[in-house]
Amino acid sequence: MALIIRVGPAREQWWLEHMRSLLPDIDCRLWNDPGDVSEIDIAVVWKPPAGGLKRFPNLRAIVSIGAGIDHVLADPDLPKNVPIIRTTGGDLKIRMREYVVLHVLRLHRRLPEIESAQRRQEWLQIVSPPAYQRRIGLMGLGDLGADCGRALAGLGFDVAGWSRRPKVIEGIKSFVGQDGLGAFLERTEILVCLLPLTPLTEGILNADLFARLPRGASIINAARGGHLVDNHLLSALDAGQIASATLDVFQIEPLPENHPFWAHPRVLVTPHVASLIDPVTGGQAIAANVRRFLAGEPVPDLVDLTQGY
């Protein structure tokens, strides 16, 4: 029984020792030192290179080091019919909740304008509406989206969510599918994207969607860079249709030095830190899922490949 680990080189030795301590009965190995590839049963990976996983002929499961699996599905040579397991947990949910609440409040209280006024030494007193008069829209009501929605509703915001299937969540108005998208966008002043990245959601943050928001709306993208059409956002910002954008994820990461987002006065760039996985608790979640899978027990984080998440 053997498990292969693919992470960034800076922490690969730490991950190897950590997983060995959590799974002492399994032979844990590093990606670049796999030994006999026919012995590998489980691959624990982040952004595996194209064709890398097909090296292991007896692979039984692929574990994503993170809640998203688009980095795995991007492999054109991904082995067929191999189960994929996401890594989730309380820490990921808490971190995303903190990020979304922080930046919704930042936009709601118009903090960027106050910071700009300070640089001009201008005493700018802005009266913001109370939270119940601010309409927040969450695209995506999975575990993370629902949790963020409940937190925002708990602060008094007028919260709505949009999802593929109906969701019943206390304090959150539900809009469903393409039929509900227009009404959802029309009532949204601050849009938060927490969708999974699938062929149906790729490029969803585009010119058409921006035009359907109220003029002067703001967006927060903490999902995946593939959701956003960059030049469409820049045009919407320059035209005043979108007032500001808070972006944590990008088509190319790290964001290239010459990308216009860096210098745009109404774009806040954060370096994919909304919900970074904690290696200690993340490793514990991975080990628990691996043990469940090998024992033939239900794995709550098993991906439904027909939906892509």
C-alpha atoms as a PDB file:
ATOM      1  CA  MET A   1       0.000   0.000   0.000  1.00  0.00           C
ATOM      2  CA  ALA A   2       1.619   3.264  -1.129  1.00  0.00           C
ATOM      3  CA  LEU A   3       0.638   6.930  -1.342  1.00  0.00           C
ATOM      4  CA  ILE A   4       2.297   9.588  -3.496  1.00  0.00           C
ATOM      5  CA  ILE A   5       2.382  13.306  -2.550  1.00  0.00           C
ATOM      6  CA  ARG A   6       2.625  16.247  -4.949  1.00  0.00           C
ATOM      7  CA  VAL A   7       2.909  19.720  -3.366  1.00  0.00           C
ATOM      8  CA  GLY A   8       5.120  22.752  -3.827  1.00  0.00           C
ATOM      9  CA  PRO A   9       8.823  22.049  -3.240  1.00  0.00           C
ATOM     10  CA  ALA A  10       9.036  24.428  -0.274  1.00  0.00           C
ATOM     11  CA  ARG A  11       6.913  22.157   1.960  1.00  0.00           C
ATOM     12  CA  GLU A  12       7.102  18.728   0.368  1.00  0.00           C
ATOM     13  CA  GLN A  13       9.383  17.236   3.042  1.00  0.00           C
ATOM     14  CA  TRP A  14       7.093  18.560   5.772  1.00  0.00           C
ATOM     15  CA  TRP A  15       4.050  17.031   4.036  1.00  0.00           C
ATOM     16  CA  LEU A  16       5.868  13.717   3.657  1.00  0.00           C
ATOM     17  CA  GLU A  17       6.729  13.521   7.359  1.00  0.00           C
ATOM     18  CA  HIS A  18       3.263  14.744   8.382  1.00  0.00           C
ATOM     19  CA  MET A  19       1.420  12.168   6.283  1.00  0.00           C
ATOM     20  CA  ARG A  20       3.747   9.396   7.463  1.00  0.00           C
ATOM     21  CA  SER A  21       2.882  10.288  11.055  1.00  0.00           C
ATOM     22  CA  LEU A  22      -0.852  10.247  10.282  1.00  0.00           C
ATOM     23  CA  LEU A  23      -0.808   7.102   8.113  1.00  0.00           C
ATOM     24  CA  PRO A  24       1.946   4.926   9.604  1.00  0.00           C
ATOM     25  CA  ASP A  25       0.664   1.775   7.882  1.00  0.00           C
ATOM     26  CA  ILE A  26       0.930   3.319   4.407  1.00  0.00           C
ATOM     27  CA  ASP A  27       4.178   3.848   2.480  1.00  0.00           C
ATOM     28  CA  CYS A  28       4.145   7.605   1.762  1.00  0.00           C
ATOM     29  CA  ARG A  29       6.407   8.855  -1.030  1.00  0.00           C
ATOM     30  CA  LEU A  30       7.176  12.094  -2.840  1.00  0.00           C
ATOM     31  CA  TRP A  31       6.120  12.785  -6.433  1.00  0.00           C
ATOM     32  CA  ASN A  32       9.667  12.984  -7.767  1.00  0.00           C
ATOM     33  CA  ASP A  33      10.761   9.819  -5.943  1.00  0.00           C
ATOM     34  CA  PRO A  34       7.870   7.403  -6.486  1.00  0.00           C
ATOM     35  CA  GLY A  35       9.789   4.139  -6.505  1.00  0.00           C
ATOM     36  CA  ASP A  36       7.832   1.327  -8.157  1.00  0.00           C
ATOM     37  CA  VAL A  37       4.908   3.238  -9.721  1.00  0.00           C
ATOM     38  CA  SER A  38       2.783   0.075  -9.838  1.00  0.00           C
ATOM     39  CA  GLU A  39       2.642   0.152  -6.020  1.00  0.00           C
ATOM     40  CA  ILE A  40       0.952   3.577  -5.820  1.00  0.00           C
ATOM     41  CA  ASP A  41      -2.674   3.324  -4.668  1.00  0.00           C
ATOM     42  CA  ILE A  42      -3.433   6.919  -3.625  1.00  0.00           C
ATOM     43  CA  ALA A  43      -2.218  10.239  -5.084  1.00  0.00           C
ATOM     44  CA  VAL A  44      -2.451  13.330  -2.849  1.00  0.00           C
ATOM     45  CA  VAL A  45      -1.896  16.280  -5.165  1.00  0.00           C
ATOM     46  CA  TRP A  46      -2.044  19.989  -5.831  1.00  0.00           C
ATOM     47  CA  LYS A  47      -1.850  21.042  -9.489  1.00  0.00           C
ATOM     48  CA  PRO A  48      -0.409  17.810 -10.866  1.00  0.00           C
ATOM     49  CA  PRO A  49       1.325  18.234 -14.250  1.00  0.00           C
ATOM     50  CA  ALA A  50      -0.501  17.056 -17.352  1.00  0.00           C
ATOM     51  CA  GLY A  51      -0.044  13.322 -17.789  1.00  0.00           C
ATOM     52  CA  GLY A  52       1.548  12.920 -14.369  1.00  0.00           C
ATOM     53  CA  LEU A  53      -1.156  10.787 -12.788  1.00  0.00           C
ATOM     54  CA  LYS A  54      -1.338   8.288 -15.627  1.00  0.00           C
ATOM     55  CA  ARG A  55       2.116   7.067 -14.556  1.00  0.00           C
ATOM     56  CA  PHE A  56       0.442   5.058 -11.807  1.00  0.00           C
ATOM     57  CA  PRO A  57      -1.339   2.073 -13.385  1.00  0.00           C
ATOM     58  CA  ASN A  58      -2.992   0.856 -10.179  1.00  0.00           C
ATOM     59  CA  LEU A  59      -4.202   4.199  -8.856  1.00  0.00           C
ATOM     60  CA  ARG A  60      -7.342   3.771  -6.759  1.00  0.00           C
ATOM     61  CA  ALA A  61      -8.079   7.366  -5.703  1.00  0.00           C
ATOM     62  CA  ILE A  62      -6.899  10.942  -6.243  1.00  0.00           C
ATOM     63  CA  VAL A  63      -7.030  13.375  -3.318  1.00  0.00           C
ATOM     64  CA  SER A  64      -7.062  17.115  -4.012  1.00  0.00           C
ATOM     65  CA  ILE A  65      -5.181  19.200  -1.446  1.00  0.00           C
ATOM     66  CA  GLY A  66      -7.999  21.721  -1.353  1.00  0.00           C
ATOM     67  CA  ALA A  67     -11.739  21.998  -1.815  1.00  0.00           C
ATOM     68  CA  GLY A  68     -11.487  22.676  -5.561  1.00  0.00           C
ATOM     69  CA  ILE A  69     -10.732  19.924  -8.067  1.00  0.00           C
ATOM     70  CA  ASP A  70     -10.435  21.974 -11.270  1.00  0.00           C
ATOM     71  CA  HIS A  71      -6.632  21.716 -11.057  1.00  0.00           C
ATOM     72  CA  VAL A  72      -7.020  17.919 -11.250  1.00  0.00           C
ATOM     73  CA  LEU A  73      -9.660  17.909 -13.979  1.00  0.00           C
ATOM     74  CA  ALA A  74      -7.435  20.177 -16.090  1.00  0.00           C
ATOM     75  CA  ASP A  75      -5.219  17.187 -16.898  1.00  0.00           C
ATOM     76  CA  PRO A  76      -6.174  16.001 -20.415  1.00  0.00           C
ATOM     77  CA  ASP A  77      -4.710  12.589 -19.605  1.00  0.00           C
ATOM     78  CA  LEU A  78      -6.450  12.186 -16.266  1.00  0.00           C
ATOM     79  CA  PRO A  79      -6.978   8.465 -15.580  1.00  0.00           C
ATOM     80  CA  LYS A  80     -10.565   7.467 -16.269  1.00  0.00           C
ATOM     81  CA  ASN A  81     -12.935   6.252 -13.563  1.00  0.00           C
ATOM     82  CA  VAL A  82     -10.569   6.990 -10.667  1.00  0.00           C
ATOM     83  CA  PRO A  83     -12.492   8.537  -7.738  1.00  0.00           C
ATOM     84  CA  ILE A  84     -11.494  12.059  -6.694  1.00  0.00           C
ATOM     85  CA  ILE A  85     -11.726  13.239  -3.086  1.00  0.00           C
ATOM     86  CA  ARG A  86     -11.804  16.915  -2.096  1.00  0.00           C
ATOM     87  CA  THR A  87     -10.226  18.236   1.108  1.00  0.00           C
ATOM     88  CA  THR A  88     -12.571  20.337   3.195  1.00  0.00           C
ATOM     89  CA  GLY A  89     -12.856  21.117   6.877  1.00  0.00           C
ATOM     90  CA  GLY A  90     -13.825  23.619   9.490  1.00  0.00           C
ATOM     91  CA  ASP A  91     -10.722  25.762   9.073  1.00  0.00           C
ATOM     92  CA  LEU A  92     -11.348  26.284   5.354  1.00  0.00           C
ATOM     93  CA  LYS A  93     -14.903  27.347   6.099  1.00  0.00           C
ATOM     94  CA  ILE A  94     -13.842  29.731   8.861  1.00  0.00           C
ATOM     95  CA  ARG A  95     -11.174  31.362   6.710  1.00  0.00           C
ATOM     96  CA  MET A  96     -13.531  31.883   3.772  1.00  0.00           C
ATOM     97  CA  ARG A  97     -16.189  33.278   6.077  1.00  0.00           C
ATOM     98  CA  GLU A  98     -13.668  35.752   7.510  1.00  0.00           C
ATOM     99  CA  TYR A  99     -12.533  36.838   4.047  1.00  0.00           C
ATOM    100  CA  VAL A 100     -16.000  37.342   2.624  1.00  0.00           C
ATOM    101  CA  VAL A 101     -17.364  39.176   5.679  1.00  0.00           C
ATOM    102  CA  LEU A 102     -14.240  41.371   5.823  1.00  0.00           C
ATOM    103  CA  HIS A 103     -14.530  42.489   2.216  1.00  0.00           C
ATOM    104  CA  VAL A 104     -18.306  42.842   2.152  1.00  0.00           C
ATOM    105  CA  LEU A 105     -18.041  45.137   5.170  1.00  0.00           C
ATOM    106  CA  ARG A 106     -15.127  46.983   3.554  1.00  0.00           C
ATOM    107  CA  LEU A 107     -17.257  47.730   0.491  1.00  0.00           C
ATOM    108  CA  HIS A 108     -20.464  48.332   2.436  1.00  0.00           C
ATOM    109  CA  ARG A 109     -18.808  50.982   4.619  1.00  0.00           C
ATOM    110  CA  ARG A 110     -16.940  52.400   1.564  1.00  0.00           C
ATOM    111  CA  LEU A 111     -13.572  52.024   3.201  1.00  0.00           C
ATOM    112  CA  PRO A 112     -11.600  52.372  -0.083  1.00  0.00           C
ATOM    113  CA  GLU A 113     -13.006  55.903  -0.470  1.00  0.00           C
ATOM    114  CA  ILE A 114     -12.121  56.789   3.112  1.00  0.00           C
ATOM    115  CA  GLU A 115      -8.579  55.469   2.646  1.00  0.00           C
ATOM    116  CA  SER A 116      -8.244  57.506  -0.548  1.00  0.00           C
ATOM    117  CA  ALA A 117      -9.480  60.596   1.282  1.00  0.00           C
ATOM    118  CA  GLN A 118      -6.870  60.087   3.978  1.00  0.00           C
ATOM    119  CA  ARG A 119      -4.111  60.132   1.365  1.00  0.00           C
ATOM    120  CA  ARG A 120      -5.505  63.495   0.205  1.00  0.00           C
ATOM    121  CA  GLN A 121      -5.777  64.657   3.839  1.00  0.00           C
ATOM    122  CA  GLU A 122      -9.494  65.117   3.272  1.00  0.00           C
ATOM    123  CA  TRP A 123     -12.014  64.750   6.109  1.00  0.00           C
ATOM    124  CA  LEU A 124     -14.603  62.689   4.223  1.00  0.00           C
ATOM    125  CA  GLN A 125     -17.580  61.620   6.313  1.00  0.00           C
ATOM    126  CA  ILE A 126     -19.602  58.967   4.497  1.00  0.00           C
ATOM    127  CA  VAL A 127     -22.959  57.861   5.823  1.00  0.00           C
ATOM    128  CA  SER A 128     -23.548  54.240   4.814  1.00  0.00           C
ATOM    129  CA  PRO A 129     -26.992  52.638   4.901  1.00  0.00           C
ATOM    130  CA  PRO A 130     -27.629  50.091   7.664  1.00  0.00           C
ATOM    131  CA  ALA A 131     -26.835  46.512   6.700  1.00  0.00           C
ATOM    132  CA  TYR A 132     -30.479  45.552   6.174  1.00  0.00           C
ATOM    133  CA  GLN A 133     -30.636  48.031   3.294  1.00  0.00           C
ATOM    134  CA  ARG A 134     -27.589  46.549   1.528  1.00  0.00           C
ATOM    135  CA  ARG A 135     -28.345  43.711  -0.892  1.00  0.00           C
ATOM    136  CA  ILE A 136     -25.655  41.013  -1.059  1.00  0.00           C
ATOM    137  CA  GLY A 137     -25.691  38.266  -3.707  1.00  0.00           C
ATOM    138  CA  LEU A 138     -23.810  34.993  -3.326  1.00  0.00           C
ATOM    139  CA  MET A 139     -23.173  32.926  -6.441  1.00  0.00           C
ATOM    140  CA  GLY A 140     -22.767  29.403  -5.149  1.00  0.00           C
ATOM    141  CA  LEU A 141     -24.478  27.971  -2.075  1.00  0.00           C
ATOM    142  CA  GLY A 142     -22.325  24.946  -1.329  1.00  0.00           C
ATOM    143  CA  ASP A 143     -20.734  24.466   2.085  1.00  0.00           C
ATOM    144  CA  LEU A 144     -18.641  27.631   1.849  1.00  0.00           C
ATOM    145  CA  GLY A 145     -21.278  29.799   0.192  1.00  0.00           C
ATOM    146  CA  ALA A 146     -24.037  28.789   2.595  1.00  0.00           C
ATOM    147  CA  ASP A 147     -21.788  29.416   5.576  1.00  0.00           C
ATOM    148  CA  CYS A 148     -20.816  32.878   4.310  1.00  0.00           C
ATOM    149  CA  GLY A 149     -24.456  33.669   3.576  1.00  0.00           C
ATOM    150  CA  ARG A 150     -25.531  32.777   7.099  1.00  0.00           C
ATOM    151  CA  ALA A 151     -22.742  34.938   8.551  1.00  0.00           C
ATOM    152  CA  LEU A 152     -23.761  37.934   6.427  1.00  0.00           C
ATOM    153  CA  ALA A 153     -27.429  37.454   7.244  1.00  0.00           C
ATOM    154  CA  GLY A 154     -26.453  37.321  10.907  1.00  0.00           C
ATOM    155  CA  LEU A 155     -24.977  40.810  10.521  1.00  0.00           C
ATOM    156  CA  GLY A 156     -28.296  42.014   9.180  1.00  0.00           C
ATOM    157  CA  PHE A 157     -27.542  42.127   5.447  1.00  0.00           C
ATOM    158  CA  ASP A 158     -30.240  41.427   2.868  1.00  0.00           C
ATOM    159  CA  VAL A 159     -28.718  38.233   1.453  1.00  0.00           C
ATOM    160  CA  ALA A 160     -29.689  36.253  -1.639  1.00  0.00           C
ATOM    161  CA  GLY A 161     -28.043  33.224  -3.155  1.00  0.00           C
ATOM    162  CA  TRP A 162     -27.970  31.777  -6.654  1.00  0.00           C
ATOM    163  CA  SER A 163     -27.389  28.087  -7.314  1.00  0.00           C
ATOM    164  CA  ARG A 164     -28.080  25.361  -9.818  1.00  0.00           C
ATOM    165  CA  ARG A 165     -30.561  23.597  -7.554  1.00  0.00           C
ATOM    166  CA  PRO A 166     -33.022  25.019  -4.987  1.00  0.00           C
ATOM    167  CA  LYS A 167     -31.539  25.597  -1.529  1.00  0.00           C
ATOM    168  CA  VAL A 168     -33.425  26.321   1.665  1.00  0.00           C
ATOM    169  CA  ILE A 169     -31.156  28.295   4.016  1.00  0.00           C
ATOM    170  CA  GLU A 170     -32.541  30.434   6.807  1.00  0.00           C
ATOM    171  CA  GLY A 171     -32.019  34.128   6.180  1.00  0.00           C
ATOM    172  CA  ILE A 172     -31.067  33.718   2.503  1.00  0.00           C
ATOM    173  CA  LYS A 173     -33.404  34.277  -0.459  1.00  0.00           C
ATOM    174  CA  SER A 174     -32.896  31.558  -3.064  1.00  0.00           C
ATOM    175  CA  PHE A 175     -32.688  32.041  -6.846  1.00  0.00           C
ATOM    176  CA  VAL A 176     -32.238  29.013  -9.076  1.00  0.00           C
ATOM    177  CA  GLY A 177     -30.733  28.328 -12.491  1.00  0.00           C
ATOM    178  CA  GLN A 178     -30.839  30.462 -15.598  1.00  0.00           C
ATOM    179  CA  ASP A 179     -34.482  31.357 -14.969  1.00  0.00           C
ATOM    180  CA  GLY A 180     -33.568  32.978 -11.662  1.00  0.00           C
ATOM    181  CA  LEU A 181     -30.269  34.582 -12.637  1.00  0.00           C
ATOM    182  CA  GLY A 182     -31.683  37.855 -13.991  1.00  0.00           C
ATOM    183  CA  ALA A 183     -33.757  38.650 -10.908  1.00  0.00           C
ATOM    184  CA  PHE A 184     -30.848  37.677  -8.662  1.00  0.00           C
ATOM    185  CA  LEU A 185     -28.446  40.026 -10.444  1.00  0.00           C
ATOM    186  CA  GLU A 186     -30.907  42.928 -10.588  1.00  0.00           C
ATOM    187  CA  ARG A 187     -31.166  43.026  -6.791  1.00  0.00           C
ATOM    188  CA  THR A 188     -27.450  42.570  -6.028  1.00  0.00           C
ATOM    189  CA  GLU A 189     -25.270  45.508  -4.968  1.00  0.00           C
ATOM    190  CA  ILE A 190     -22.277  43.433  -3.812  1.00  0.00           C
ATOM    191  CA  LEU A 191     -21.756  40.188  -5.717  1.00  0.00           C
ATOM    192  CA  VAL A 192     -19.679  37.398  -4.157  1.00  0.00           C
ATOM    193  CA  CYS A 193     -18.592  34.502  -6.388  1.00  0.00           C
ATOM    194  CA  LEU A 194     -18.040  31.190  -4.582  1.00  0.00           C
ATOM    195  CA  LEU A 195     -19.013  28.873  -7.426  1.00  0.00           C
ATOM    196  CA  PRO A 196     -17.150  25.688  -8.315  1.00  0.00           C
ATOM    197  CA  LEU A 197     -15.301  25.992 -11.619  1.00  0.00           C
ATOM    198  CA  THR A 198     -16.995  23.778 -14.209  1.00  0.00           C
ATOM    199  CA  PRO A 199     -17.564  24.058 -17.962  1.00  0.00           C
ATOM    200  CA  LEU A 200     -20.924  25.685 -17.114  1.00  0.00           C
ATOM    201  CA  THR A 201     -19.437  28.342 -14.821  1.00  0.00           C
ATOM    202  CA  GLU A 202     -16.183  29.140 -16.622  1.00  0.00           C
ATOM    203  CA  GLY A 203     -16.223  32.784 -17.724  1.00  0.00           C
ATOM    204  CA  ILE A 204     -19.536  33.467 -15.978  1.00  0.00           C
ATOM    205  CA  LEU A 205     -18.276  36.810 -14.638  1.00  0.00           C
ATOM    206  CA  ASN A 206     -18.441  38.509 -18.011  1.00  0.00           C
ATOM    207  CA  ALA A 207     -19.764  41.617 -19.753  1.00  0.00           C
ATOM    208  CA  ASP A 208     -23.312  40.287 -19.991  1.00  0.00           C
ATOM    209  CA  LEU A 209     -23.470  39.521 -16.284  1.00  0.00           C
ATOM    210  CA  PHE A 210     -21.943  42.880 -15.307  1.00  0.00           C
ATOM    211  CA  ALA A 211     -24.520  44.711 -17.440  1.00  0.00           C
ATOM    212  CA  ARG A 212     -27.349  43.010 -15.546  1.00  0.00           C
ATOM    213  CA  LEU A 213     -26.129  44.230 -12.158  1.00  0.00           C
ATOM    214  CA  PRO A 214     -27.234  47.647 -10.843  1.00  0.00           C
ATOM    215  CA  ARG A 215     -24.876  50.368 -12.035  1.00  0.00           C
ATOM    216  CA  GLY A 216     -22.165  50.883  -9.425  1.00  0.00           C
ATOM    217  CA  ALA A 217     -22.276  47.339  -8.048  1.00  0.00           C
ATOM    218  CA  SER A 218     -19.109  45.718  -6.682  1.00  0.00           C
ATOM    219  CA  ILE A 219     -17.807  42.176  -7.067  1.00  0.00           C
ATOM    220  CA  ILE A 220     -15.758  39.856  -4.908  1.00  0.00           C
ATOM    221  CA  ASN A 221     -14.267  36.760  -6.541  1.00  0.00           C
ATOM    222  CA  ALA A 222     -12.918  34.224  -4.056  1.00  0.00           C
ATOM    223  CA  ALA A 223     -13.704  31.147  -6.160  1.00  0.00           C
ATOM    224  CA  ARG A 224     -11.467  30.582  -9.207  1.00  0.00           C
ATOM    225  CA  GLY A 225      -9.768  32.865 -11.712  1.00  0.00           C
ATOM    226  CA  GLY A 226     -11.430  30.956 -14.530  1.00  0.00           C
ATOM    227  CA  HIS A 227     -14.796  32.421 -13.576  1.00  0.00           C
ATOM    228  CA  LEU A 228     -13.714  35.926 -14.585  1.00  0.00           C
ATOM    229  CA  VAL A 229     -13.176  37.385 -18.051  1.00  0.00           C
ATOM    230  CA  ASP A 230     -10.478  39.905 -17.145  1.00  0.00           C
ATOM    231  CA  ASN A 231     -10.870  42.385 -19.998  1.00  0.00           C
ATOM    232  CA  HIS A 232     -14.661  42.437 -19.541  1.00  0.00           C
ATOM    233  CA  LEU A 233     -14.194  43.477 -15.931  1.00  0.00           C
ATOM    234  CA  LEU A 234     -11.684  46.180 -16.850  1.00  0.00           C
ATOM    235  CA  SER A 235     -14.128  47.619 -19.383  1.00  0.00           C
ATOM    236  CA  ALA A 236     -16.994  47.530 -16.878  1.00  0.00           C
ATOM    237  CA  LEU A 237     -14.825  49.277 -14.263  1.00  0.00           C
ATOM    238  CA  ASP A 238     -13.716  51.971 -16.681  1.00  0.00           C
ATOM    239  CA  ALA A 239     -17.322  52.557 -17.785  1.00  0.00           C
ATOM    240  CA  GLY A 240     -18.524  52.870 -14.190  1.00  0.00           C
ATOM    241  CA  GLN A 241     -20.901  49.903 -14.466  1.00  0.00           C
ATOM    242  CA  ILE A 242     -18.832  48.118 -11.824  1.00  0.00           C
ATOM    243  CA  ALA A 243     -17.600  50.350  -9.008  1.00  0.00           C
ATOM    244  CA  SER A 244     -14.894  48.082  -7.619  1.00  0.00           C
ATOM    245  CA  ALA A 245     -13.565  44.542  -7.634  1.00  0.00           C
ATOM    246  CA  THR A 246     -11.924  42.480  -4.909  1.00  0.00           C
ATOM    247  CA  LEU A 247     -10.064  39.591  -6.520  1.00  0.00           C
ATOM    248  CA  ASP A 248      -8.352  36.730  -4.718  1.00  0.00           C
ATOM    249  CA  VAL A 249      -8.020  34.312  -7.664  1.00  0.00           C
ATOM    250  CA  PHE A 250      -6.685  34.732 -11.180  1.00  0.00           C
ATOM    251  CA  GLN A 251      -6.336  33.017 -14.544  1.00  0.00           C
ATOM    252  CA  ILE A 252      -2.565  32.886 -14.022  1.00  0.00           C
ATOM    253  CA  GLU A 253      -1.093  32.677 -10.523  1.00  0.00           C
ATOM    254  CA  PRO A 254       0.966  34.412  -9.332  1.00  0.00           C
ATOM    255  CA  LEU A 255      -0.631  37.334 -11.155  1.00  0.00           C
ATOM    256  CA  PRO A 256       1.865  38.525 -13.817  1.00  0.00           C
ATOM    257  CA  GLU A 257       3.715  41.729 -12.933  1.00  0.00           C
ATOM    258  CA  ASN A 258       2.401  43.573 -15.980  1.00  0.00           C
ATOM    259  CA  HIS A 259      -1.265  42.695 -15.420  1.00  0.00           C
ATOM    260  CA  PRO A 260      -3.481  45.823 -15.292  1.00  0.00           C
ATOM    261  CA  PHE A 261      -5.240  44.609 -12.135  1.00  0.00           C
ATOM    262  CA  TRP A 262      -2.164  45.474 -10.063  1.00  0.00           C
ATOM    263  CA  ALA A 263      -2.356  49.209 -10.745  1.00  0.00           C
ATOM    264  CA  HIS A 264      -6.086  49.696 -11.262  1.00  0.00           C
ATOM    265  CA  PRO A 265      -7.363  52.158  -8.643  1.00  0.00           C
ATOM    266  CA  ARG A 266     -10.611  50.257  -8.102  1.00  0.00           C
ATOM    267  CA  VAL A 267      -9.233  46.726  -7.936  1.00  0.00           C
ATOM    268  CA  LEU A 268      -7.964  45.098  -4.748  1.00  0.00           C
ATOM    269  CA  VAL A 269      -5.651  42.154  -5.445  1.00  0.00           C
ATOM    270  CA  THR A 270      -5.174  39.557  -2.704  1.00  0.00           C
ATOM    271  CA  PRO A 271      -2.784  36.656  -3.473  1.00  0.00           C
ATOM    272  CA  HIS A 272      -5.148  33.649  -3.231  1.00  0.00           C
ATOM    273  CA  VAL A 273      -5.299  33.799   0.546  1.00  0.00           C
ATOM    274  CA  ALA A 274      -9.069  33.755   1.179  1.00  0.00           C
ATOM    275  CA  SER A 275      -9.073  30.169   2.405  1.00  0.00           C
ATOM    276  CA  LEU A 276      -5.602  28.660   2.310  1.00  0.00           C
ATOM    277  CA  ILE A 277      -5.488  25.129   3.641  1.00  0.00           C
ATOM    278  CA  ASP A 278      -3.803  24.686   7.003  1.00  0.00           C
ATOM    279  CA  PRO A 279      -1.283  21.862   6.472  1.00  0.00           C
ATOM    280  CA  VAL A 280      -1.784  20.389   9.939  1.00  0.00           C
ATOM    281  CA  THR A 281      -5.572  20.138   9.926  1.00  0.00           C
ATOM    282  CA  GLY A 282      -5.630  19.634   6.147  1.00  0.00           C
ATOM    283  CA  GLY A 283      -3.376  16.618   6.521  1.00  0.00           C
ATOM    284  CA  GLN A 284      -5.652  15.239   9.230  1.00  0.00           C
ATOM    285  CA  ALA A 285      -8.684  15.596   6.944  1.00  0.00           C
ATOM    286  CA  ILE A 286      -6.818  13.898   4.086  1.00  0.00           C
ATOM    287  CA  ALA A 287      -5.709  11.029   6.304  1.00  0.00           C
ATOM    288  CA  ALA A 288      -9.247  10.507   7.608  1.00  0.00           C
ATOM    289  CA  ASN A 289     -10.639  10.402   4.059  1.00  0.00           C
ATOM    290  CA  VAL A 290      -7.909   8.002   2.919  1.00  0.00           C
ATOM    291  CA  ARG A 291      -8.665   5.657   5.810  1.00  0.00           C
ATOM    292  CA  ARG A 292     -12.409   5.769   5.048  1.00  0.00           C
ATOM    293  CA  PHE A 293     -11.823   5.118   1.361  1.00  0.00           C
ATOM    294  CA  LEU A 294      -9.499   2.163   1.917  1.00  0.00           C
ATOM    295  CA  ALA A 295     -11.906   0.671   4.466  1.00  0.00           C
ATOM    296  CA  GLY A 296     -14.772   0.905   1.980  1.00  0.00           C
ATOM    297  CA  GLU A 297     -16.649   3.382   4.180  1.00  0.00           C
ATOM    298  CA  PRO A 298     -18.605   6.404   2.853  1.00  0.00           C
ATOM    299  CA  VAL A 299     -16.343   9.382   2.094  1.00  0.00           C
ATOM    300  CA  PRO A 300     -18.274  12.648   2.528  1.00  0.00           C
ATOM    301  CA  ASP A 301     -15.835  14.583   0.345  1.00  0.00           C
ATOM    302  CA  LEU A 302     -16.044  12.196  -2.615  1.00  0.00           C
ATOM    303  CA  VAL A 303     -16.610  14.192  -5.808  1.00  0.00           C
ATOM    304  CA  ASP A 304     -19.606  13.669  -8.048  1.00  0.00           C
ATOM    305  CA  LEU A 305     -17.772  13.653 -11.371  1.00  0.00           C
ATOM    306  CA  THR A 306     -21.004  14.056 -13.332  1.00  0.00           C
ATOM    307  CA  GLN A 307     -21.287  17.568 -11.827  1.00  0.00           C
ATOM    308  CA  GLY A 308     -17.592  18.382 -11.581  1.00  0.00           C
ATOM    309  CA  TYR A 309     -17.592  19.068  -7.832  1.00  0.00           C
END
